[in-house]
Amino acid sequence: MMNVLLNGACGRMGKEVEKLVEASEELNMVARVDKMASESGVYTDINDFGGKADVIIDFSNHLGTKELMDYAVRTGTPTVVCTTGQTDEELEIINKAAEKIAVFRSANMSLGVALLVDLAKQTAAVMPDADIEIVETHHNRKQDAPSGTALLIADAIKSVREKSKYVFGRSGHAPREKNEIGIHAVRRGNIVGIHEVLVSTDSQTITLKHEAHSRALFAEGAISAANFIKDKPAGLYDMNSIVAG
């Protein structure tokens, strides 16, 4: 039985994780935390929980990064960070915490997206002169743009194309430069998440696409990540860690 502390329990993704935990015979919810909570049984301050969890699943907000990591390090609790939009300072806090505890961080908790990222990286390496554009589409309530997943894909491509530069959207009167990676954000309706990578030469195009059909996908990924790191030594892990075995 794995005891779970769920941070961000009252949000959409928190509710999805809670459903899966309640339906599982191998998981136990020991605490629900949400700063915006108004319902009974939910802590508004993670430090108010005095029990012991085997793992923290965080679907809260990046603004709470320091408080979350301080608690995780103090209690020695492996943590799955599912939030996006972290500043450089917040990412450094996560990296420092990973020196003391196991931290799993991914901009997207989908195994399918992890495969998409790997395929985009491979394609960029095999077709070094191709133009690459990334288009991400999400619901109209999403706050950060471009998505963390789009940046994750771009960073993977840049790892094999070191001279690449990111162009967010495109306007004006200038031709596309050779080393650009175009990144475009679309916000409409109730789209869960669509990510496309377009790789084009003058004679052909390869299109890589992942579409999330339900938010439950990300909750499932978070629980898989929790199972993966619960007994791992200190370090920073991601979806590629699972893909690589």
C-alpha atoms as a PDB file:
ATOM      1  CA  MET A   1       0.000   0.000   0.000  1.00  0.00           C
ATOM      2  CA  MET A   2       1.400   3.394  -1.032  1.00  0.00           C
ATOM      3  CA  ASN A   3       0.347   6.367   1.097  1.00  0.00           C
ATOM      4  CA  VAL A   4      -0.215   9.491  -0.995  1.00  0.00           C
ATOM      5  CA  LEU A   5      -0.229  13.152  -0.004  1.00  0.00           C
ATOM      6  CA  LEU A   6      -2.050  15.080  -2.734  1.00  0.00           C
ATOM      7  CA  ASN A   7      -1.135  18.763  -3.059  1.00  0.00           C
ATOM      8  CA  GLY A   8      -3.593  20.795  -5.113  1.00  0.00           C
ATOM      9  CA  ALA A   9      -6.381  18.393  -4.217  1.00  0.00           C
ATOM     10  CA  CYS A  10      -9.273  20.705  -5.087  1.00  0.00           C
ATOM     11  CA  GLY A  11      -8.182  21.510  -8.630  1.00  0.00           C
ATOM     12  CA  ARG A  12      -9.269  19.641 -11.756  1.00  0.00           C
ATOM     13  CA  MET A  13      -6.237  17.407 -11.854  1.00  0.00           C
ATOM     14  CA  GLY A  14      -6.301  16.881  -8.113  1.00  0.00           C
ATOM     15  CA  LYS A  15      -9.835  15.541  -8.425  1.00  0.00           C
ATOM     16  CA  GLU A  16      -8.718  13.168 -11.192  1.00  0.00           C
ATOM     17  CA  VAL A  17      -5.892  11.814  -9.029  1.00  0.00           C
ATOM     18  CA  GLU A  18      -8.260  11.408  -6.086  1.00  0.00           C
ATOM     19  CA  LYS A  19     -10.653   9.320  -8.198  1.00  0.00           C
ATOM     20  CA  LEU A  20      -7.867   6.932  -9.167  1.00  0.00           C
ATOM     21  CA  VAL A  21      -6.581   6.635  -5.613  1.00  0.00           C
ATOM     22  CA  GLU A  22     -10.068   5.874  -4.288  1.00  0.00           C
ATOM     23  CA  ALA A  23     -10.561   3.197  -6.962  1.00  0.00           C
ATOM     24  CA  SER A  24      -7.237   1.501  -6.243  1.00  0.00           C
ATOM     25  CA  GLU A  25      -6.579  -1.237  -3.720  1.00  0.00           C
ATOM     26  CA  GLU A  26      -2.865  -0.376  -3.715  1.00  0.00           C
ATOM     27  CA  LEU A  27      -3.115   3.340  -2.921  1.00  0.00           C
ATOM     28  CA  ASN A  28      -4.191   5.206   0.204  1.00  0.00           C
ATOM     29  CA  MET A  29      -4.852   8.938   0.469  1.00  0.00           C
ATOM     30  CA  VAL A  30      -3.348  10.065   3.781  1.00  0.00           C
ATOM     31  CA  ALA A  31      -3.757  13.807   3.197  1.00  0.00           C
ATOM     32  CA  ARG A  32      -5.314  16.268   0.789  1.00  0.00           C
ATOM     33  CA  VAL A  33      -3.840  19.772   0.655  1.00  0.00           C
ATOM     34  CA  ASP A  34      -5.035  22.868  -1.175  1.00  0.00           C
ATOM     35  CA  LYS A  35      -4.431  26.499  -0.270  1.00  0.00           C
ATOM     36  CA  MET A  36      -7.804  27.444  -1.747  1.00  0.00           C
ATOM     37  CA  ALA A  37      -9.728  24.695   0.054  1.00  0.00           C
ATOM     38  CA  SER A  38     -13.055  25.487   1.678  1.00  0.00           C
ATOM     39  CA  GLU A  39     -14.209  21.903   2.275  1.00  0.00           C
ATOM     40  CA  SER A  40     -13.573  19.982   5.471  1.00  0.00           C
ATOM     41  CA  GLY A  41     -10.841  17.391   5.572  1.00  0.00           C
ATOM     42  CA  VAL A  42      -8.489  19.367   3.325  1.00  0.00           C
ATOM     43  CA  TYR A  43      -5.398  21.092   4.745  1.00  0.00           C
ATOM     44  CA  THR A  44      -4.756  24.624   3.528  1.00  0.00           C
ATOM     45  CA  ASP A  45      -1.147  24.450   4.719  1.00  0.00           C
ATOM     46  CA  ILE A  46       0.942  21.377   3.904  1.00  0.00           C
ATOM     47  CA  ASN A  47       2.917  21.889   7.108  1.00  0.00           C
ATOM     48  CA  ASP A  48      -0.215  21.232   9.153  1.00  0.00           C
ATOM     49  CA  PHE A  49      -0.128  17.560   8.183  1.00  0.00           C
ATOM     50  CA  GLY A  50       1.811  15.693  10.842  1.00  0.00           C
ATOM     51  CA  GLY A  51       1.496  12.201   9.421  1.00  0.00           C
ATOM     52  CA  LYS A  52       3.749  10.296   7.059  1.00  0.00           C
ATOM     53  CA  ALA A  53       3.286   9.880   3.326  1.00  0.00           C
ATOM     54  CA  ASP A  54       5.258   7.601   1.017  1.00  0.00           C
ATOM     55  CA  VAL A  55       5.053  10.121  -1.810  1.00  0.00           C
ATOM     56  CA  ILE A  56       3.705  13.591  -2.631  1.00  0.00           C
ATOM     57  CA  ILE A  57       1.819  14.205  -5.877  1.00  0.00           C
ATOM     58  CA  ASP A  58       1.728  17.930  -6.639  1.00  0.00           C
ATOM     59  CA  PHE A  59      -0.877  19.400  -8.977  1.00  0.00           C
ATOM     60  CA  SER A  60      -1.034  22.805  -7.274  1.00  0.00           C
ATOM     61  CA  ASN A  61       0.677  25.932  -8.621  1.00  0.00           C
ATOM     62  CA  HIS A  62       4.316  26.745  -9.296  1.00  0.00           C
ATOM     63  CA  LEU A  63       4.087  29.699  -6.894  1.00  0.00           C
ATOM     64  CA  GLY A  64       4.099  27.188  -4.036  1.00  0.00           C
ATOM     65  CA  THR A  65       7.343  25.533  -5.159  1.00  0.00           C
ATOM     66  CA  LYS A  66       9.516  26.660  -2.262  1.00  0.00           C
ATOM     67  CA  GLU A  67       7.022  25.716   0.446  1.00  0.00           C
ATOM     68  CA  LEU A  68       6.440  22.319  -1.178  1.00  0.00           C
ATOM     69  CA  MET A  69      10.118  21.503  -1.612  1.00  0.00           C
ATOM     70  CA  ASP A  70      10.988  22.691   1.896  1.00  0.00           C
ATOM     71  CA  TYR A  71       8.339  20.339   3.312  1.00  0.00           C
ATOM     72  CA  ALA A  72       9.408  17.427   1.084  1.00  0.00           C
ATOM     73  CA  VAL A  73      13.066  17.768   2.067  1.00  0.00           C
ATOM     74  CA  ARG A  74      12.262  18.228   5.766  1.00  0.00           C
ATOM     75  CA  THR A  75      10.126  15.081   5.824  1.00  0.00           C
ATOM     76  CA  GLY A  76      12.250  13.121   3.341  1.00  0.00           C
ATOM     77  CA  THR A  77       9.251  12.479   1.090  1.00  0.00           C
ATOM     78  CA  PRO A  78       9.724  11.641  -2.617  1.00  0.00           C
ATOM     79  CA  THR A  79       7.774  14.156  -4.691  1.00  0.00           C
ATOM     80  CA  VAL A  80       6.131  14.148  -8.113  1.00  0.00           C
ATOM     81  CA  VAL A  81       5.985  17.739  -9.422  1.00  0.00           C
ATOM     82  CA  CYS A  82       3.278  18.017 -12.073  1.00  0.00           C
ATOM     83  CA  THR A  83       2.971  21.811 -12.159  1.00  0.00           C
ATOM     84  CA  THR A  84       4.375  23.934 -14.987  1.00  0.00           C
ATOM     85  CA  GLY A  85       5.390  27.557 -15.458  1.00  0.00           C
ATOM     86  CA  GLN A  86       8.246  27.566 -12.947  1.00  0.00           C
ATOM     87  CA  THR A  87      10.681  30.467 -12.975  1.00  0.00           C
ATOM     88  CA  ASP A  88      14.417  29.819 -13.172  1.00  0.00           C
ATOM     89  CA  GLU A  89      14.590  30.411  -9.418  1.00  0.00           C
ATOM     90  CA  GLU A  90      11.842  27.873  -8.761  1.00  0.00           C
ATOM     91  CA  LEU A  91      13.513  25.309 -11.018  1.00  0.00           C
ATOM     92  CA  GLU A  92      16.716  25.783  -9.047  1.00  0.00           C
ATOM     93  CA  ILE A  93      14.799  25.096  -5.816  1.00  0.00           C
ATOM     94  CA  ILE A  94      13.561  21.823  -7.318  1.00  0.00           C
ATOM     95  CA  ASN A  95      17.063  20.899  -8.465  1.00  0.00           C
ATOM     96  CA  LYS A  96      18.498  21.574  -5.003  1.00  0.00           C
ATOM     97  CA  ALA A  97      15.787  19.463  -3.370  1.00  0.00           C
ATOM     98  CA  ALA A  98      16.645  16.604  -5.740  1.00  0.00           C
ATOM     99  CA  GLU A  99      20.093  16.475  -4.170  1.00  0.00           C
ATOM    100  CA  LYS A 100      18.425  15.262  -0.961  1.00  0.00           C
ATOM    101  CA  ILE A 101      15.259  13.406  -2.046  1.00  0.00           C
ATOM    102  CA  ALA A 102      13.848  11.727  -5.152  1.00  0.00           C
ATOM    103  CA  VAL A 103      12.006  14.303  -7.276  1.00  0.00           C
ATOM    104  CA  PHE A 104      10.075  13.452 -10.416  1.00  0.00           C
ATOM    105  CA  ARG A 105       9.382  16.483 -12.573  1.00  0.00           C
ATOM    106  CA  SER A 106       7.832  16.538 -16.011  1.00  0.00           C
ATOM    107  CA  ALA A 107       6.045  19.265 -17.934  1.00  0.00           C
ATOM    108  CA  ASN A 108       3.704  16.540 -19.147  1.00  0.00           C
ATOM    109  CA  MET A 109       2.842  13.374 -17.263  1.00  0.00           C
ATOM    110  CA  SER A 110       1.909  11.379 -20.377  1.00  0.00           C
ATOM    111  CA  LEU A 111       4.022   8.432 -21.521  1.00  0.00           C
ATOM    112  CA  GLY A 112       2.805   9.146 -25.049  1.00  0.00           C
ATOM    113  CA  VAL A 113       4.208  12.671 -24.872  1.00  0.00           C
ATOM    114  CA  ALA A 114       7.529  11.256 -23.652  1.00  0.00           C
ATOM    115  CA  LEU A 115       7.619   9.135 -26.804  1.00  0.00           C
ATOM    116  CA  LEU A 116       6.687  12.174 -28.918  1.00  0.00           C
ATOM    117  CA  VAL A 117       9.587  14.139 -27.415  1.00  0.00           C
ATOM    118  CA  ASP A 118      12.003  11.307 -28.148  1.00  0.00           C
ATOM    119  CA  LEU A 119      10.759  10.962 -31.745  1.00  0.00           C
ATOM    120  CA  ALA A 120      11.040  14.736 -32.298  1.00  0.00           C
ATOM    121  CA  LYS A 121      14.622  14.655 -31.070  1.00  0.00           C
ATOM    122  CA  GLN A 122      15.490  11.716 -33.334  1.00  0.00           C
ATOM    123  CA  THR A 123      13.849  13.352 -36.361  1.00  0.00           C
ATOM    124  CA  ALA A 124      15.657  16.642 -35.797  1.00  0.00           C
ATOM    125  CA  ALA A 125      18.973  14.796 -35.641  1.00  0.00           C
ATOM    126  CA  VAL A 126      18.337  12.759 -38.805  1.00  0.00           C
ATOM    127  CA  MET A 127      17.047  15.799 -40.753  1.00  0.00           C
ATOM    128  CA  PRO A 128      19.419  18.576 -39.617  1.00  0.00           C
ATOM    129  CA  ASP A 129      18.397  21.051 -42.348  1.00  0.00           C
ATOM    130  CA  ALA A 130      14.628  20.697 -41.954  1.00  0.00           C
ATOM    131  CA  ASP A 131      12.429  23.517 -40.672  1.00  0.00           C
ATOM    132  CA  ILE A 132      10.729  22.685 -37.373  1.00  0.00           C
ATOM    133  CA  GLU A 133       7.550  24.216 -36.015  1.00  0.00           C
ATOM    134  CA  ILE A 134       5.784  23.243 -32.779  1.00  0.00           C
ATOM    135  CA  VAL A 135       2.068  23.968 -32.389  1.00  0.00           C
ATOM    136  CA  GLU A 136       0.298  23.393 -29.065  1.00  0.00           C
ATOM    137  CA  THR A 137      -3.439  23.737 -28.446  1.00  0.00           C
ATOM    138  CA  HIS A 138      -5.138  23.868 -25.040  1.00  0.00           C
ATOM    139  CA  HIS A 139      -8.369  24.966 -23.381  1.00  0.00           C
ATOM    140  CA  ASN A 140      -9.114  28.651 -23.009  1.00  0.00           C
ATOM    141  CA  ARG A 141      -8.408  28.663 -19.260  1.00  0.00           C
ATOM    142  CA  LYS A 142      -4.765  27.622 -19.442  1.00  0.00           C
ATOM    143  CA  GLN A 143      -2.583  30.375 -18.013  1.00  0.00           C
ATOM    144  CA  ASP A 144       0.941  29.697 -19.295  1.00  0.00           C
ATOM    145  CA  ALA A 145       1.835  29.987 -22.971  1.00  0.00           C
ATOM    146  CA  PRO A 146       3.551  28.310 -24.608  1.00  0.00           C
ATOM    147  CA  SER A 147       2.842  25.121 -22.697  1.00  0.00           C
ATOM    148  CA  GLY A 148       5.512  23.441 -20.641  1.00  0.00           C
ATOM    149  CA  THR A 149       5.241  20.473 -22.987  1.00  0.00           C
ATOM    150  CA  ALA A 150       5.964  22.610 -26.056  1.00  0.00           C
ATOM    151  CA  LEU A 151       9.095  23.913 -24.321  1.00  0.00           C
ATOM    152  CA  LEU A 152      10.021  20.351 -23.343  1.00  0.00           C
ATOM    153  CA  ILE A 153       9.851  19.322 -27.011  1.00  0.00           C
ATOM    154  CA  ALA A 154      11.815  22.386 -28.098  1.00  0.00           C
ATOM    155  CA  ASP A 155      14.541  21.762 -25.506  1.00  0.00           C
ATOM    156  CA  ALA A 156      14.878  18.154 -26.694  1.00  0.00           C
ATOM    157  CA  ILE A 157      15.316  19.341 -30.275  1.00  0.00           C
ATOM    158  CA  LYS A 158      17.791  22.004 -29.208  1.00  0.00           C
ATOM    159  CA  SER A 159      19.899  19.317 -27.503  1.00  0.00           C
ATOM    160  CA  VAL A 160      20.745  17.975 -30.978  1.00  0.00           C
ATOM    161  CA  ARG A 161      20.648  21.380 -32.689  1.00  0.00           C
ATOM    162  CA  GLU A 162      22.651  23.566 -30.367  1.00  0.00           C
ATOM    163  CA  LYS A 163      22.450  26.673 -32.584  1.00  0.00           C
ATOM    164  CA  SER A 164      18.656  26.688 -32.559  1.00  0.00           C
ATOM    165  CA  LYS A 165      16.755  29.718 -31.316  1.00  0.00           C
ATOM    166  CA  TYR A 166      13.121  29.838 -30.261  1.00  0.00           C
ATOM    167  CA  VAL A 167      10.633  32.079 -32.034  1.00  0.00           C
ATOM    168  CA  PHE A 168       7.353  32.432 -30.153  1.00  0.00           C
ATOM    169  CA  GLY A 169       4.668  33.099 -32.728  1.00  0.00           C
ATOM    170  CA  ARG A 170       5.639  34.918 -35.871  1.00  0.00           C
ATOM    171  CA  SER A 171       4.858  38.391 -37.226  1.00  0.00           C
ATOM    172  CA  GLY A 172       6.468  41.129 -39.284  1.00  0.00           C
ATOM    173  CA  HIS A 173       8.114  41.059 -42.717  1.00  0.00           C
ATOM    174  CA  ALA A 174      11.162  38.829 -42.613  1.00  0.00           C
ATOM    175  CA  PRO A 175      11.877  35.351 -43.941  1.00  0.00           C
ATOM    176  CA  ARG A 176      12.229  32.392 -41.624  1.00  0.00           C
ATOM    177  CA  GLU A 177      15.810  31.964 -40.435  1.00  0.00           C
ATOM    178  CA  LYS A 178      17.566  28.611 -40.754  1.00  0.00           C
ATOM    179  CA  ASN A 179      18.005  27.905 -37.032  1.00  0.00           C
ATOM    180  CA  GLU A 180      14.543  28.884 -35.858  1.00  0.00           C
ATOM    181  CA  ILE A 181      12.256  26.580 -33.917  1.00  0.00           C
ATOM    182  CA  GLY A 182       8.817  28.119 -34.193  1.00  0.00           C
ATOM    183  CA  ILE A 183       6.593  27.665 -31.125  1.00  0.00           C
ATOM    184  CA  HIS A 184       2.917  28.566 -31.378  1.00  0.00           C
ATOM    185  CA  ALA A 185       0.187  28.529 -28.716  1.00  0.00           C
ATOM    186  CA  VAL A 186      -3.525  28.178 -29.492  1.00  0.00           C
ATOM    187  CA  ARG A 187      -6.196  28.584 -26.806  1.00  0.00           C
ATOM    188  CA  ARG A 188      -9.767  27.518 -27.571  1.00  0.00           C
ATOM    189  CA  GLY A 189     -12.722  25.735 -26.074  1.00  0.00           C
ATOM    190  CA  ASN A 190     -12.164  22.802 -23.743  1.00  0.00           C
ATOM    191  CA  ILE A 191      -9.183  21.156 -25.490  1.00  0.00           C
ATOM    192  CA  VAL A 192      -7.274  18.930 -23.057  1.00  0.00           C
ATOM    193  CA  GLY A 193      -4.012  19.140 -24.980  1.00  0.00           C
ATOM    194  CA  ILE A 194      -2.721  18.719 -28.528  1.00  0.00           C
ATOM    195  CA  HIS A 195       0.957  18.932 -29.479  1.00  0.00           C
ATOM    196  CA  GLU A 196       2.206  18.798 -33.056  1.00  0.00           C
ATOM    197  CA  VAL A 197       5.754  18.872 -34.353  1.00  0.00           C
ATOM    198  CA  LEU A 198       6.064  19.741 -38.058  1.00  0.00           C
ATOM    199  CA  VAL A 199       9.396  18.852 -39.659  1.00  0.00           C
ATOM    200  CA  SER A 200       9.668  20.087 -43.252  1.00  0.00           C
ATOM    201  CA  THR A 201      12.172  20.199 -46.072  1.00  0.00           C
ATOM    202  CA  ASP A 202      11.433  21.538 -49.552  1.00  0.00           C
ATOM    203  CA  SER A 203      10.360  18.047 -50.635  1.00  0.00           C
ATOM    204  CA  GLN A 204       8.652  16.418 -47.635  1.00  0.00           C
ATOM    205  CA  THR A 205       7.053  16.876 -44.219  1.00  0.00           C
ATOM    206  CA  ILE A 206       6.960  14.630 -41.181  1.00  0.00           C
ATOM    207  CA  THR A 207       4.174  15.403 -38.701  1.00  0.00           C
ATOM    208  CA  LEU A 208       4.396  14.082 -35.141  1.00  0.00           C
ATOM    209  CA  LYS A 209       1.242  14.547 -33.094  1.00  0.00           C
ATOM    210  CA  HIS A 210      -0.048  13.669 -29.639  1.00  0.00           C
ATOM    211  CA  GLU A 211      -3.602  14.373 -28.527  1.00  0.00           C
ATOM    212  CA  ALA A 212      -4.829  13.918 -24.976  1.00  0.00           C
ATOM    213  CA  HIS A 213      -8.458  12.765 -24.865  1.00  0.00           C
ATOM    214  CA  SER A 214      -8.982  13.029 -21.116  1.00  0.00           C
ATOM    215  CA  ARG A 215      -7.314  14.686 -18.136  1.00  0.00           C
ATOM    216  CA  ALA A 216      -7.325  11.263 -16.486  1.00  0.00           C
ATOM    217  CA  LEU A 217      -4.301  10.550 -18.698  1.00  0.00           C
ATOM    218  CA  PHE A 218      -2.155  12.933 -16.661  1.00  0.00           C
ATOM    219  CA  ALA A 219      -3.448  11.598 -13.342  1.00  0.00           C
ATOM    220  CA  GLU A 220      -2.544   8.068 -14.441  1.00  0.00           C
ATOM    221  CA  GLY A 221       0.926   9.283 -15.390  1.00  0.00           C
ATOM    222  CA  ALA A 222       1.387  10.995 -12.030  1.00  0.00           C
ATOM    223  CA  ILE A 223       0.535   7.798 -10.163  1.00  0.00           C
ATOM    224  CA  SER A 224       2.917   5.810 -12.386  1.00  0.00           C
ATOM    225  CA  ALA A 225       5.610   8.376 -11.567  1.00  0.00           C
ATOM    226  CA  ALA A 226       4.831   8.071  -7.843  1.00  0.00           C
ATOM    227  CA  ASN A 227       5.215   4.301  -7.996  1.00  0.00           C
ATOM    228  CA  PHE A 228       8.451   4.752  -9.916  1.00  0.00           C
ATOM    229  CA  ILE A 229      10.197   7.078  -7.440  1.00  0.00           C
ATOM    230  CA  LYS A 230       8.821   5.941  -4.074  1.00  0.00           C
ATOM    231  CA  ASP A 231      11.922   3.849  -3.346  1.00  0.00           C
ATOM    232  CA  LYS A 232      14.427   5.663  -5.546  1.00  0.00           C
ATOM    233  CA  PRO A 233      17.532   7.408  -4.180  1.00  0.00           C
ATOM    234  CA  ALA A 234      17.853  11.182  -4.278  1.00  0.00           C
ATOM    235  CA  GLY A 235      17.916  12.553  -7.782  1.00  0.00           C
ATOM    236  CA  LEU A 236      15.882  14.277 -10.486  1.00  0.00           C
ATOM    237  CA  TYR A 237      13.728  11.945 -12.583  1.00  0.00           C
ATOM    238  CA  ASP A 238      11.346  12.485 -15.511  1.00  0.00           C
ATOM    239  CA  MET A 239       9.231  10.559 -18.006  1.00  0.00           C
ATOM    240  CA  ASN A 240      12.334   9.550 -19.922  1.00  0.00           C
ATOM    241  CA  SER A 241      13.471   7.753 -16.777  1.00  0.00           C
ATOM    242  CA  ILE A 242      10.403   5.530 -17.060  1.00  0.00           C
ATOM    243  CA  VAL A 243      10.746   5.084 -20.830  1.00  0.00           C
ATOM    244  CA  ALA A 244      14.384   4.081 -20.424  1.00  0.00           C
ATOM    245  CA  GLY A 245      13.421   1.600 -17.707  1.00  0.00           C
END
